N, C-alpha and C. Protein backbone atom coordinates (compact mmCIF):
# COMPACT_ATOMS: atom_id res chain seq x y z
N MET A 1 0.91 -1.27 -0.28
CA MET A 1 0.12 -0.18 -0.11
C MET A 1 0.93 1.46 0.18
N ILE A 2 0.79 2.08 -1.17
CA ILE A 2 1.38 3.72 -0.95
C ILE A 2 0.67 4.52 -0.04
N LYS A 3 1.70 5.11 0.77
CA LYS A 3 1.25 6.06 1.75
C LYS A 3 1.67 7.64 1.06
N ILE A 4 1.05 8.31 1.41
CA ILE A 4 1.45 9.91 1.11
C ILE A 4 1.32 10.66 2.30
N ALA A 5 2.78 11.09 2.52
CA ALA A 5 3.01 11.66 3.40
C ALA A 5 3.66 13.28 3.32
N PRO A 6 2.67 14.16 3.60
CA PRO A 6 3.09 15.62 3.23
C PRO A 6 3.85 16.24 4.21
N SER A 7 5.01 16.71 3.79
CA SER A 7 6.15 17.31 4.77
C SER A 7 5.47 18.41 5.18
N ILE A 8 5.75 19.00 6.27
CA ILE A 8 5.21 20.50 6.98
C ILE A 8 6.40 21.48 6.63
N LEU A 9 7.67 20.72 6.01
CA LEU A 9 8.64 22.09 5.93
C LEU A 9 8.58 22.93 4.99
N ALA A 10 7.39 22.59 4.20
CA ALA A 10 6.54 23.37 3.12
C ALA A 10 5.65 24.06 3.23
N SER A 11 5.16 24.09 4.34
CA SER A 11 3.96 24.39 4.75
C SER A 11 3.96 25.90 5.51
N ASP A 12 3.09 26.48 5.52
CA ASP A 12 3.03 28.16 5.85
C ASP A 12 2.95 27.88 7.68
N PHE A 13 4.17 28.15 8.24
CA PHE A 13 4.87 27.81 9.59
C PHE A 13 3.86 28.75 10.54
N SER A 14 3.35 29.62 9.89
CA SER A 14 2.54 30.55 10.68
C SER A 14 0.57 30.20 11.02
N ARG A 15 0.53 28.75 10.06
CA ARG A 15 -0.67 28.36 10.15
C ARG A 15 -0.61 26.90 10.29
N LEU A 16 0.26 26.21 10.99
CA LEU A 16 0.65 25.00 11.02
C LEU A 16 -0.63 24.22 11.15
N GLY A 17 -1.59 24.08 12.20
CA GLY A 17 -2.65 23.49 12.76
C GLY A 17 -3.28 23.43 11.53
N GLU A 18 -3.75 24.58 10.58
CA GLU A 18 -4.94 24.70 9.65
C GLU A 18 -4.23 23.85 8.45
N GLU A 19 -2.59 24.02 8.11
CA GLU A 19 -2.21 23.45 7.29
C GLU A 19 -2.26 21.75 7.16
N ILE A 20 -2.15 21.30 8.51
CA ILE A 20 -2.17 20.09 8.53
C ILE A 20 -3.85 19.51 8.46
N SER A 21 -4.61 20.19 9.04
CA SER A 21 -6.11 19.75 8.76
C SER A 21 -6.29 19.57 7.56
N ARG A 22 -5.50 20.78 6.53
CA ARG A 22 -5.90 20.55 5.06
C ARG A 22 -5.61 19.43 4.41
N VAL A 23 -4.15 19.12 4.65
CA VAL A 23 -3.69 17.92 3.92
C VAL A 23 -4.62 16.80 4.44
N GLU A 24 -5.00 16.92 5.36
CA GLU A 24 -5.74 15.45 6.57
C GLU A 24 -6.89 15.51 5.32
N ARG A 25 -7.59 16.49 5.63
CA ARG A 25 -8.82 16.55 4.59
C ARG A 25 -8.53 16.30 3.16
N ALA A 26 -7.55 16.42 3.02
CA ALA A 26 -7.21 16.46 1.13
C ALA A 26 -6.70 14.76 0.82
N GLY A 27 -6.34 13.91 2.10
CA GLY A 27 -6.34 12.37 2.08
C GLY A 27 -5.12 12.01 2.21
N ALA A 28 -4.16 12.78 3.02
CA ALA A 28 -2.71 12.45 3.39
C ALA A 28 -3.28 11.26 4.33
N ASP A 29 -1.88 10.38 4.15
CA ASP A 29 -1.86 9.09 5.31
C ASP A 29 -1.17 9.28 6.39
N MET A 30 0.07 10.43 6.33
CA MET A 30 0.40 10.42 7.63
C MET A 30 1.11 12.07 7.37
N ILE A 31 1.68 12.40 8.62
CA ILE A 31 2.30 13.85 8.46
C ILE A 31 3.74 13.84 8.67
N HIS A 32 4.50 13.95 8.05
CA HIS A 32 6.03 14.19 8.01
C HIS A 32 6.35 15.20 8.53
N LEU A 33 7.19 15.41 9.83
CA LEU A 33 7.54 16.12 10.36
C LEU A 33 9.12 16.28 10.45
N ASP A 34 10.04 17.34 9.68
CA ASP A 34 11.56 17.03 9.62
C ASP A 34 11.93 18.12 11.03
N VAL A 35 12.59 17.28 11.73
CA VAL A 35 13.42 18.01 13.28
C VAL A 35 14.98 18.02 12.68
N MET A 36 15.24 19.60 12.31
CA MET A 36 16.48 20.06 12.11
C MET A 36 17.15 20.91 13.34
N ASP A 37 18.56 20.89 13.75
CA ASP A 37 18.80 21.78 15.11
C ASP A 37 19.96 22.08 14.49
N GLY A 38 20.38 22.45 13.44
CA GLY A 38 21.25 23.91 12.63
C GLY A 38 22.81 23.14 12.94
N HIS A 39 22.92 21.67 13.38
CA HIS A 39 24.40 20.93 13.42
C HIS A 39 24.74 20.21 12.80
N PHE A 40 23.49 19.19 12.73
CA PHE A 40 24.01 17.95 11.86
C PHE A 40 23.44 18.34 10.01
N VAL A 41 22.60 19.38 10.17
CA VAL A 41 22.07 19.67 8.70
C VAL A 41 22.11 21.35 9.13
N PRO A 42 22.16 21.89 8.06
CA PRO A 42 22.17 23.57 8.03
C PRO A 42 21.13 24.51 8.39
N ASN A 43 20.18 23.82 8.80
CA ASN A 43 18.88 24.51 9.17
C ASN A 43 18.33 24.36 10.79
N ILE A 44 17.42 25.36 10.94
CA ILE A 44 16.80 24.85 12.22
C ILE A 44 14.88 25.19 12.11
N THR A 45 14.64 23.51 12.66
CA THR A 45 12.90 23.78 12.19
C THR A 45 12.35 23.95 13.70
N ILE A 46 11.97 22.53 13.96
CA ILE A 46 10.86 22.50 15.01
C ILE A 46 11.40 21.68 15.84
N GLY A 47 10.91 21.33 17.37
CA GLY A 47 11.05 20.54 18.67
C GLY A 47 9.70 19.64 19.05
N PRO A 48 10.29 19.00 19.97
CA PRO A 48 9.00 18.29 20.81
C PRO A 48 7.70 19.42 20.97
N LEU A 49 7.86 20.52 21.55
CA LEU A 49 6.87 21.29 22.04
C LEU A 49 5.68 21.55 20.86
N VAL A 50 6.49 21.91 19.82
CA VAL A 50 5.47 22.23 18.40
C VAL A 50 4.86 20.80 18.25
N ILE A 51 5.57 19.94 18.19
CA ILE A 51 4.84 18.56 17.85
C ILE A 51 3.77 18.45 18.75
N LYS A 52 4.02 18.82 20.26
CA LYS A 52 2.69 18.17 21.11
C LYS A 52 1.54 19.45 20.96
N SER A 53 1.94 20.36 20.50
CA SER A 53 0.73 21.19 19.93
C SER A 53 -0.17 20.87 18.70
N LEU A 54 0.87 20.28 17.82
CA LEU A 54 0.33 19.70 16.53
C LEU A 54 -0.53 18.34 16.83
N ARG A 55 -0.20 17.60 17.58
CA ARG A 55 -0.65 16.64 18.26
C ARG A 55 -2.36 16.62 18.06
N LYS A 56 -2.52 17.75 18.77
CA LYS A 56 -3.90 17.99 19.25
C LYS A 56 -5.02 18.21 17.93
N VAL A 57 -4.60 18.63 16.88
CA VAL A 57 -5.34 18.69 15.47
C VAL A 57 -5.39 17.74 14.64
N THR A 58 -4.52 16.51 14.76
CA THR A 58 -4.89 15.44 13.90
C THR A 58 -4.73 14.23 14.83
N GLU A 59 -5.31 13.28 14.35
CA GLU A 59 -5.03 11.44 14.92
C GLU A 59 -4.26 10.96 13.45
N LEU A 60 -3.80 11.57 12.83
CA LEU A 60 -2.99 11.01 11.54
C LEU A 60 -1.42 10.54 12.30
N PRO A 61 -1.03 9.83 11.57
CA PRO A 61 0.70 9.31 12.32
C PRO A 61 1.46 10.02 11.70
N PHE A 62 2.18 10.69 13.35
CA PHE A 62 3.51 11.46 12.49
C PHE A 62 4.95 10.50 12.72
N ASP A 63 5.42 11.25 11.33
CA ASP A 63 6.51 10.40 10.88
C ASP A 63 7.38 11.73 10.87
N VAL A 64 8.43 11.37 12.30
CA VAL A 64 9.49 12.43 12.88
C VAL A 64 10.76 11.86 12.09
N HIS A 65 11.46 12.80 11.32
CA HIS A 65 12.82 12.56 11.21
C HIS A 65 13.77 13.33 11.59
N LEU A 66 14.39 13.00 12.48
CA LEU A 66 15.30 13.65 13.30
C LEU A 66 16.57 13.93 12.66
N MET A 67 17.12 14.89 12.29
CA MET A 67 18.02 15.79 11.84
C MET A 67 18.69 16.19 12.88
N ILE A 68 19.20 15.74 13.85
CA ILE A 68 19.68 16.33 14.91
C ILE A 68 21.15 15.62 15.45
N GLU A 69 21.97 16.19 16.02
CA GLU A 69 23.04 15.30 16.88
C GLU A 69 22.53 14.95 18.06
N GLU A 70 23.00 13.76 18.64
CA GLU A 70 22.58 13.15 19.73
C GLU A 70 21.39 13.31 19.92
N PRO A 71 20.32 12.17 19.06
CA PRO A 71 19.26 11.86 18.69
C PRO A 71 19.01 11.43 20.09
N ASP A 72 19.52 10.29 20.99
CA ASP A 72 19.25 9.37 21.78
C ASP A 72 18.39 10.51 23.18
N ARG A 73 19.07 11.61 23.03
CA ARG A 73 18.74 12.72 24.29
C ARG A 73 17.50 12.93 24.01
N TYR A 74 16.95 12.74 23.20
CA TYR A 74 15.41 13.64 22.58
C TYR A 74 14.40 12.68 22.45
N ILE A 75 14.60 11.24 22.03
CA ILE A 75 13.84 10.29 21.74
C ILE A 75 12.53 10.13 22.35
N SER A 76 12.94 9.96 23.91
CA SER A 76 11.57 10.19 24.73
C SER A 76 10.78 11.34 24.69
N ASP A 77 11.35 12.52 24.24
CA ASP A 77 10.71 13.75 24.45
C ASP A 77 9.73 13.72 23.08
N PHE A 78 10.34 13.34 21.99
CA PHE A 78 9.33 13.45 20.68
C PHE A 78 8.22 12.55 20.68
N VAL A 79 8.90 11.22 21.57
CA VAL A 79 7.67 10.04 21.34
C VAL A 79 6.58 10.48 22.51
N ASP A 80 6.88 11.15 23.47
CA ASP A 80 5.66 11.54 24.36
C ASP A 80 4.98 12.74 23.73
N ALA A 81 5.45 13.84 22.74
CA ALA A 81 4.87 14.27 21.95
C ALA A 81 3.77 14.49 21.26
N GLY A 82 4.06 12.69 20.90
CA GLY A 82 3.28 12.28 19.75
C GLY A 82 3.44 11.39 18.66
N ALA A 83 5.01 11.75 18.53
CA ALA A 83 5.86 10.82 17.39
C ALA A 83 5.02 9.76 16.98
N ASN A 84 4.32 9.04 16.26
CA ASN A 84 4.52 7.36 15.82
C ASN A 84 5.42 6.68 15.37
N ILE A 85 6.23 7.25 14.22
CA ILE A 85 7.59 7.11 13.94
C ILE A 85 8.54 7.74 14.19
N ILE A 86 9.78 7.54 14.37
CA ILE A 86 11.17 7.98 14.57
C ILE A 86 11.98 7.81 13.47
N SER A 87 12.58 8.47 12.68
CA SER A 87 13.94 7.92 12.03
C SER A 87 14.72 8.72 12.34
N VAL A 88 16.17 7.81 12.25
CA VAL A 88 17.18 8.64 12.67
C VAL A 88 18.51 8.27 12.15
N HIS A 89 19.49 9.10 11.53
CA HIS A 89 20.05 8.87 10.43
C HIS A 89 21.36 7.64 10.88
N VAL A 90 21.89 6.92 9.65
CA VAL A 90 23.30 6.15 10.21
C VAL A 90 24.03 7.07 10.47
N GLU A 91 24.45 8.13 9.85
CA GLU A 91 25.96 8.61 9.60
C GLU A 91 26.03 9.37 10.72
N ASN A 92 25.04 9.38 11.83
CA ASN A 92 25.58 10.45 12.93
C ASN A 92 25.64 9.72 14.46
N ASN A 93 25.39 8.23 13.98
CA ASN A 93 24.69 7.39 15.13
C ASN A 93 25.73 6.14 15.30
N PRO A 94 26.66 6.17 16.21
CA PRO A 94 27.70 5.31 16.48
C PRO A 94 27.25 3.68 16.85
N HIS A 95 25.96 4.31 17.75
CA HIS A 95 25.14 3.14 18.63
C HIS A 95 23.91 2.85 18.14
N LEU A 96 23.84 2.52 16.93
CA LEU A 96 22.89 2.18 16.22
C LEU A 96 21.57 1.70 17.00
N HIS A 97 22.14 0.63 16.96
CA HIS A 97 21.11 -0.79 17.92
C HIS A 97 20.59 0.06 19.04
N ARG A 98 21.37 0.63 20.29
CA ARG A 98 20.93 1.16 21.11
C ARG A 98 19.74 2.03 20.72
N THR A 99 20.05 2.83 19.85
CA THR A 99 18.81 3.87 19.38
C THR A 99 17.68 3.36 19.08
N ILE A 100 17.37 2.23 18.27
CA ILE A 100 16.43 1.57 17.80
C ILE A 100 15.49 0.59 18.97
N GLU A 101 16.60 0.25 19.83
CA GLU A 101 15.84 -0.07 20.72
C GLU A 101 15.03 0.80 22.00
N MET A 102 15.65 1.90 22.02
CA MET A 102 15.36 3.10 22.79
C MET A 102 13.91 3.31 22.03
N ILE A 103 13.91 3.31 21.03
CA ILE A 103 12.61 4.06 20.17
C ILE A 103 11.41 2.78 20.38
N LYS A 104 11.86 1.62 20.24
CA LYS A 104 10.90 0.69 20.44
C LYS A 104 10.58 1.05 22.14
N GLU A 105 11.22 0.97 22.95
CA GLU A 105 11.06 0.84 24.19
C GLU A 105 9.99 2.14 24.59
N CYS A 106 10.07 3.15 23.81
CA CYS A 106 9.60 4.36 23.94
C CYS A 106 8.04 4.26 23.56
N GLY A 107 7.92 3.20 22.41
CA GLY A 107 6.39 3.15 22.13
C GLY A 107 6.34 3.58 20.83
N ALA A 108 7.42 3.88 19.92
CA ALA A 108 7.08 4.25 18.48
C ALA A 108 7.79 3.14 17.68
N ARG A 109 7.50 3.46 16.27
CA ARG A 109 8.10 2.59 15.21
C ARG A 109 9.58 3.23 14.78
N PRO A 110 10.60 2.03 14.60
CA PRO A 110 12.11 2.32 14.42
C PRO A 110 12.21 2.83 12.72
N SER A 111 12.69 3.98 12.46
CA SER A 111 12.97 3.74 10.84
C SER A 111 14.61 3.98 11.30
N VAL A 112 15.39 3.78 9.91
CA VAL A 112 16.36 4.51 10.11
C VAL A 112 16.62 5.40 8.51
N VAL A 113 17.52 6.52 8.49
CA VAL A 113 17.73 7.20 7.16
C VAL A 113 19.10 7.27 6.66
N LEU A 114 19.58 7.05 5.30
CA LEU A 114 20.41 7.13 5.02
C LEU A 114 20.30 8.24 3.94
N ASN A 115 21.50 8.85 3.89
CA ASN A 115 21.87 10.28 3.18
C ASN A 115 22.00 10.00 1.38
N PRO A 116 21.85 10.59 0.44
CA PRO A 116 22.05 10.36 -0.88
C PRO A 116 23.81 9.50 -0.80
N ALA A 117 24.42 10.01 -0.61
CA ALA A 117 25.68 9.24 -0.62
C ALA A 117 26.40 8.30 0.46
N THR A 118 25.19 8.02 1.00
CA THR A 118 25.97 6.86 2.32
C THR A 118 25.09 5.31 1.32
N PRO A 119 25.87 4.49 1.28
CA PRO A 119 25.94 3.03 0.79
C PRO A 119 24.72 2.18 1.32
N LEU A 120 23.99 1.55 0.98
CA LEU A 120 23.23 0.51 1.36
C LEU A 120 23.76 -0.67 2.17
N ASN A 121 24.91 -1.05 2.26
CA ASN A 121 26.03 -1.72 3.20
C ASN A 121 25.84 -1.11 4.35
N ALA A 122 25.55 -0.01 4.46
CA ALA A 122 25.49 0.83 6.03
C ALA A 122 24.22 0.48 7.30
N LEU A 123 23.41 -0.52 6.26
CA LEU A 123 22.18 -0.95 6.73
C LEU A 123 22.04 -2.30 6.92
N ASP A 124 23.43 -3.02 6.94
CA ASP A 124 23.51 -4.49 7.11
C ASP A 124 23.11 -5.01 8.51
N ALA A 125 23.63 -4.46 9.29
CA ALA A 125 23.66 -4.79 10.75
C ALA A 125 22.43 -4.65 11.60
N VAL A 126 21.46 -3.66 10.72
CA VAL A 126 20.18 -2.82 11.47
C VAL A 126 19.05 -3.55 11.11
N LEU A 127 18.86 -3.77 9.53
CA LEU A 127 18.27 -3.89 8.62
C LEU A 127 16.52 -4.79 9.43
N GLY A 128 17.03 -5.92 9.89
CA GLY A 128 16.17 -6.70 10.76
C GLY A 128 15.61 -6.07 11.74
N SER A 129 15.91 -5.11 12.19
CA SER A 129 15.48 -4.71 13.51
C SER A 129 14.67 -3.18 13.40
N VAL A 130 14.54 -3.01 12.35
CA VAL A 130 13.34 -1.88 11.76
C VAL A 130 12.51 -2.02 10.95
N ASP A 131 10.89 -0.85 11.19
CA ASP A 131 9.72 -1.10 10.42
C ASP A 131 10.11 -0.45 9.21
N MET A 132 11.42 0.65 8.90
CA MET A 132 11.03 1.24 7.68
C MET A 132 12.46 1.88 7.70
N VAL A 133 12.99 2.26 6.43
CA VAL A 133 14.43 2.47 6.31
C VAL A 133 13.53 3.83 5.39
N LEU A 134 14.05 5.07 5.48
CA LEU A 134 14.34 6.51 4.71
C LEU A 134 15.56 6.90 3.78
N LEU A 135 14.86 6.76 3.00
CA LEU A 135 16.23 7.05 1.67
C LEU A 135 16.23 8.78 1.41
N MET A 136 16.97 9.47 1.48
CA MET A 136 16.77 10.56 1.20
C MET A 136 17.22 10.83 -0.18
N THR A 137 16.33 11.05 -1.22
CA THR A 137 16.40 11.36 -2.64
C THR A 137 17.11 12.75 -2.60
N VAL A 138 17.55 13.76 -1.72
CA VAL A 138 18.10 14.86 -2.11
C VAL A 138 19.06 15.15 -0.67
N ASP A 139 19.81 16.03 -0.79
CA ASP A 139 20.50 16.08 0.31
C ASP A 139 19.79 16.61 1.67
N PRO A 140 19.97 16.54 2.77
CA PRO A 140 19.03 16.97 3.74
C PRO A 140 19.34 18.30 4.10
N GLY A 141 18.00 18.88 4.72
CA GLY A 141 18.56 20.63 5.26
C GLY A 141 17.07 20.82 4.65
N PHE A 142 17.06 21.15 3.62
CA PHE A 142 16.22 22.22 2.87
C PHE A 142 15.15 21.82 2.09
N GLY A 143 14.11 21.80 1.68
CA GLY A 143 12.97 21.69 0.93
C GLY A 143 13.24 22.38 -0.44
N GLY A 144 12.29 21.63 -1.46
CA GLY A 144 12.34 22.04 -2.52
C GLY A 144 13.45 21.74 -3.58
N GLN A 145 13.98 21.03 -3.12
CA GLN A 145 15.67 20.60 -4.19
C GLN A 145 15.22 19.50 -5.31
N GLN A 146 16.18 19.31 -6.15
CA GLN A 146 15.63 18.45 -7.21
C GLN A 146 15.86 17.10 -6.76
N TYR A 147 15.26 16.13 -7.55
CA TYR A 147 15.07 14.47 -6.97
C TYR A 147 16.95 14.25 -7.52
N ILE A 148 17.64 13.46 -6.93
CA ILE A 148 18.79 12.71 -7.32
C ILE A 148 18.66 11.55 -8.31
N GLU A 149 18.16 11.56 -9.44
CA GLU A 149 18.35 10.41 -10.16
C GLU A 149 18.56 9.11 -10.05
N SER A 150 20.16 9.14 -9.68
CA SER A 150 20.88 8.02 -9.36
C SER A 150 20.08 7.43 -8.16
N MET A 151 19.35 7.64 -7.24
CA MET A 151 18.46 7.37 -6.13
C MET A 151 17.52 6.21 -6.21
N THR A 152 17.05 6.03 -7.63
CA THR A 152 16.00 5.20 -8.46
C THR A 152 16.88 3.64 -8.52
N ASP A 153 17.63 3.79 -8.49
CA ASP A 153 18.53 2.54 -8.44
C ASP A 153 18.80 1.86 -7.12
N LYS A 154 18.98 2.80 -6.27
CA LYS A 154 19.10 2.55 -4.88
C LYS A 154 17.76 2.00 -4.16
N ILE A 155 16.99 2.95 -4.36
CA ILE A 155 15.39 2.03 -4.18
C ILE A 155 15.23 0.93 -4.51
N ARG A 156 15.73 0.59 -5.69
CA ARG A 156 15.28 -0.62 -6.35
C ARG A 156 16.30 -1.58 -5.80
N GLU A 157 17.31 -1.31 -5.38
CA GLU A 157 18.53 -2.34 -4.41
C GLU A 157 17.82 -2.92 -3.18
N LEU A 158 17.32 -1.61 -2.69
CA LEU A 158 17.03 -1.94 -1.27
C LEU A 158 15.72 -2.84 -1.18
N ARG A 159 14.78 -2.57 -2.18
CA ARG A 159 13.80 -3.32 -2.06
C ARG A 159 13.92 -5.11 -2.50
N GLN A 160 14.92 -5.24 -3.39
CA GLN A 160 15.41 -6.25 -3.81
C GLN A 160 15.85 -7.02 -2.59
N THR A 161 16.91 -6.47 -1.87
CA THR A 161 17.35 -6.91 -0.73
C THR A 161 16.22 -7.48 0.40
N ALA A 162 15.20 -6.45 0.31
CA ALA A 162 14.10 -6.74 1.51
C ALA A 162 13.15 -7.96 1.02
N VAL A 163 13.05 -8.28 -0.23
CA VAL A 163 12.28 -9.59 -0.80
C VAL A 163 12.80 -10.82 -0.61
N LYS A 164 14.14 -10.84 -0.65
CA LYS A 164 15.07 -11.75 -0.62
C LYS A 164 15.41 -12.49 1.14
N ARG A 165 14.91 -11.19 1.64
CA ARG A 165 14.94 -11.54 3.29
C ARG A 165 13.81 -11.61 4.19
N GLY A 166 12.67 -11.76 2.80
CA GLY A 166 11.22 -11.79 3.42
C GLY A 166 10.69 -10.90 4.25
N MET A 167 11.34 -9.65 3.90
CA MET A 167 11.08 -8.53 4.77
C MET A 167 9.97 -7.80 4.47
N LYS A 168 8.88 -7.59 5.37
CA LYS A 168 7.81 -6.32 5.10
C LYS A 168 8.27 -4.82 5.15
N LEU A 169 9.07 -4.72 4.46
CA LEU A 169 10.00 -3.37 4.85
C LEU A 169 9.07 -2.45 4.26
N ASP A 170 8.75 -1.02 5.06
CA ASP A 170 8.34 0.16 4.34
C ASP A 170 9.57 1.21 4.06
N ILE A 171 9.69 1.54 2.89
CA ILE A 171 10.80 2.31 2.09
C ILE A 171 10.06 3.40 1.64
N GLU A 172 10.57 4.84 2.53
CA GLU A 172 10.49 5.99 2.09
C GLU A 172 11.22 6.49 1.46
N VAL A 173 10.69 7.53 0.68
CA VAL A 173 11.68 8.50 0.17
C VAL A 173 11.19 9.82 0.05
N ASP A 174 12.08 10.67 0.48
CA ASP A 174 12.09 12.13 0.69
C ASP A 174 12.91 12.76 -0.21
N GLY A 175 12.67 14.06 -0.84
CA GLY A 175 12.90 15.05 -1.69
C GLY A 175 13.11 15.09 -3.27
N GLY A 176 12.41 15.90 -3.78
CA GLY A 176 12.10 16.20 -5.02
C GLY A 176 10.76 15.32 -5.59
N ILE A 177 9.83 14.95 -4.55
CA ILE A 177 9.20 13.96 -5.58
C ILE A 177 8.19 14.57 -5.95
N ASP A 178 7.70 14.19 -7.10
CA ASP A 178 6.38 15.28 -7.76
C ASP A 178 5.88 14.31 -8.88
N LEU A 179 4.58 14.75 -9.68
CA LEU A 179 4.29 14.12 -10.69
C LEU A 179 5.16 13.44 -11.76
N SER A 180 6.20 13.92 -11.86
CA SER A 180 6.93 13.52 -13.08
C SER A 180 7.88 12.25 -12.92
N ASN A 181 7.96 11.88 -11.29
CA ASN A 181 8.89 10.82 -11.19
C ASN A 181 8.14 10.01 -9.89
N ILE A 182 7.15 10.34 -9.77
CA ILE A 182 6.68 9.67 -8.65
C ILE A 182 6.70 7.73 -8.90
N TRP A 183 6.08 7.59 -10.17
CA TRP A 183 6.17 6.26 -10.55
C TRP A 183 7.03 5.68 -10.69
N ASP A 184 8.27 6.53 -10.92
CA ASP A 184 9.67 5.73 -10.90
C ASP A 184 10.12 5.41 -10.03
N VAL A 185 9.82 6.01 -8.68
CA VAL A 185 10.13 5.37 -7.27
C VAL A 185 9.29 4.29 -6.60
N THR A 186 7.90 4.34 -6.96
CA THR A 186 7.20 3.48 -6.54
C THR A 186 7.53 2.15 -7.30
N GLN A 187 7.79 2.45 -8.45
CA GLN A 187 7.68 1.20 -9.52
C GLN A 187 9.34 0.69 -8.57
N ALA A 188 10.15 1.20 -8.61
CA ALA A 188 11.75 0.66 -7.91
C ALA A 188 11.30 0.10 -6.83
N GLY A 189 10.18 0.24 -5.95
CA GLY A 189 9.98 -0.12 -4.51
C GLY A 189 9.72 0.59 -3.22
N ALA A 190 9.97 1.91 -3.59
CA ALA A 190 9.33 2.76 -2.31
C ALA A 190 7.65 2.97 -2.25
N ASN A 191 7.26 2.67 -0.94
CA ASN A 191 6.05 2.94 -0.59
C ASN A 191 5.25 3.85 0.32
N VAL A 192 6.65 5.02 0.75
CA VAL A 192 5.93 5.78 1.70
C VAL A 192 6.42 7.20 0.94
N ILE A 193 5.74 7.93 0.53
CA ILE A 193 6.25 9.13 -0.42
C ILE A 193 6.30 10.28 0.57
N VAL A 194 7.17 11.15 0.84
CA VAL A 194 7.24 12.22 1.25
C VAL A 194 7.35 13.17 0.37
N ALA A 195 6.37 14.17 0.73
CA ALA A 195 6.08 15.64 -0.62
C ALA A 195 5.72 16.53 0.13
N GLY A 196 6.48 17.81 -0.10
CA GLY A 196 6.45 19.08 0.63
C GLY A 196 5.96 20.13 -0.54
N THR A 197 6.92 20.62 -0.97
CA THR A 197 6.58 21.57 -2.07
C THR A 197 5.67 21.07 -2.98
N THR A 198 5.59 19.97 -3.49
CA THR A 198 4.46 19.37 -4.19
C THR A 198 3.14 19.48 -3.80
N ILE A 199 2.74 19.58 -2.64
CA ILE A 199 1.53 19.59 -1.97
C ILE A 199 1.49 20.86 -1.73
N PHE A 200 2.02 21.34 -0.55
CA PHE A 200 1.68 22.25 -0.15
C PHE A 200 1.80 23.60 -1.02
N GLY A 201 2.51 23.47 -1.79
CA GLY A 201 2.50 24.68 -2.95
C GLY A 201 1.18 24.63 -4.29
N ALA A 202 0.90 23.54 -4.27
CA ALA A 202 -0.31 23.21 -4.94
C ALA A 202 -1.28 24.45 -5.20
N PRO A 203 -2.00 24.62 -5.56
CA PRO A 203 -3.43 25.20 -5.76
C PRO A 203 -4.47 24.39 -4.91
N ASP A 204 -4.26 23.29 -5.12
CA ASP A 204 -5.20 22.52 -4.84
C ASP A 204 -4.70 21.39 -4.36
N ALA A 205 -4.53 21.02 -2.57
CA ALA A 205 -3.91 19.89 -2.27
C ALA A 205 -4.60 18.72 -2.32
N GLU A 206 -5.72 18.50 -2.11
CA GLU A 206 -6.40 17.74 -2.51
C GLU A 206 -6.73 16.63 -3.93
N GLU A 207 -6.61 17.86 -4.68
CA GLU A 207 -6.27 17.33 -6.15
C GLU A 207 -4.76 16.84 -6.44
N MET A 208 -4.11 17.41 -5.81
CA MET A 208 -2.36 16.78 -5.73
C MET A 208 -2.45 15.54 -5.26
N ILE A 209 -2.99 15.30 -3.94
CA ILE A 209 -2.46 14.13 -3.40
C ILE A 209 -3.19 12.80 -4.00
N SER A 210 -4.42 13.07 -4.93
CA SER A 210 -5.11 12.46 -5.39
C SER A 210 -4.39 12.03 -6.81
N SER A 211 -3.86 13.04 -7.61
CA SER A 211 -3.11 13.00 -8.47
C SER A 211 -1.58 11.74 -8.27
N LEU A 212 -0.88 12.38 -7.13
CA LEU A 212 0.11 11.66 -6.91
C LEU A 212 -0.27 9.84 -6.48
N ARG A 213 -0.93 9.99 -5.81
CA ARG A 213 -1.64 8.48 -5.47
C ARG A 213 -1.82 7.77 -6.92
N GLN A 214 -2.58 8.41 -7.97
CA GLN A 214 -2.91 8.15 -9.28
C GLN A 214 -1.78 7.47 -9.70
N LYS A 215 -0.56 8.67 -9.88
CA LYS A 215 0.35 8.26 -10.66
C LYS A 215 1.46 7.12 -9.96
N ALA A 216 1.17 6.88 -8.65
CA ALA A 216 2.05 5.88 -7.89
C ALA A 216 1.71 4.61 -8.16
N TYR A 217 0.80 4.87 -8.67
CA TYR A 217 -0.03 3.39 -9.10
C TYR A 217 0.21 2.81 -10.83
N GLY A 218 1.20 4.07 -11.14
CA GLY A 218 0.76 3.87 -12.42
C GLY A 218 -0.25 4.44 -13.50
N GLY A 219 -1.20 4.99 -12.66
CA GLY A 219 -2.24 5.71 -13.62
C GLY A 219 -1.72 6.97 -14.31
N HIS A 220 -2.31 7.04 -15.26
CA HIS A 220 -2.18 8.43 -16.16
C HIS A 220 -3.36 9.47 -15.88
N ILE A 221 -2.35 10.78 -15.77
CA ILE A 221 -3.33 11.89 -15.36
C ILE A 221 -3.89 12.53 -16.39
């Protein structure tokens, strides 16, 4: 099942609650929340207090992507704030097994993230311990970037690995996904699609989410 996860990074931050309600009415399956600390990536966004406030406006799953240093220090705070899925990066986490177990113990679904330049073999030791892998299809830190075409092969290789291992793995993709390439990434094996500018920048969010979903299954608009 393909899921559409609008990223609030591209929304109007002065109206976050309204923006989330808008995409929920439009048919979003989950809400993607990018947490950046200005150290791991060159941008600063939101923290647990904002997520806790937003939790009041929707029951949709919160998919929280931690682009921060020392994520272990904050995992319980984000789960307490309402995170349902927590994604942590391979690149800045030397004790990844411990972090994954911490996410589980706090009551959230664990996911790991790979930046575009990080090879898939970085997942070898943890792939069996997570529910989802988030493959960044742009370099993280800012919205509105162009999809890196070589990531399609990376998606395909990860899906093939999951199938060989008999895993029901969610593969999430984030960065530059729009109507022109969503079929390529879903055909390669991605089933959770993060889209920010494509959805929040559209005149009609409901029409855009419907079009993305149709294209994701190979339909023609």
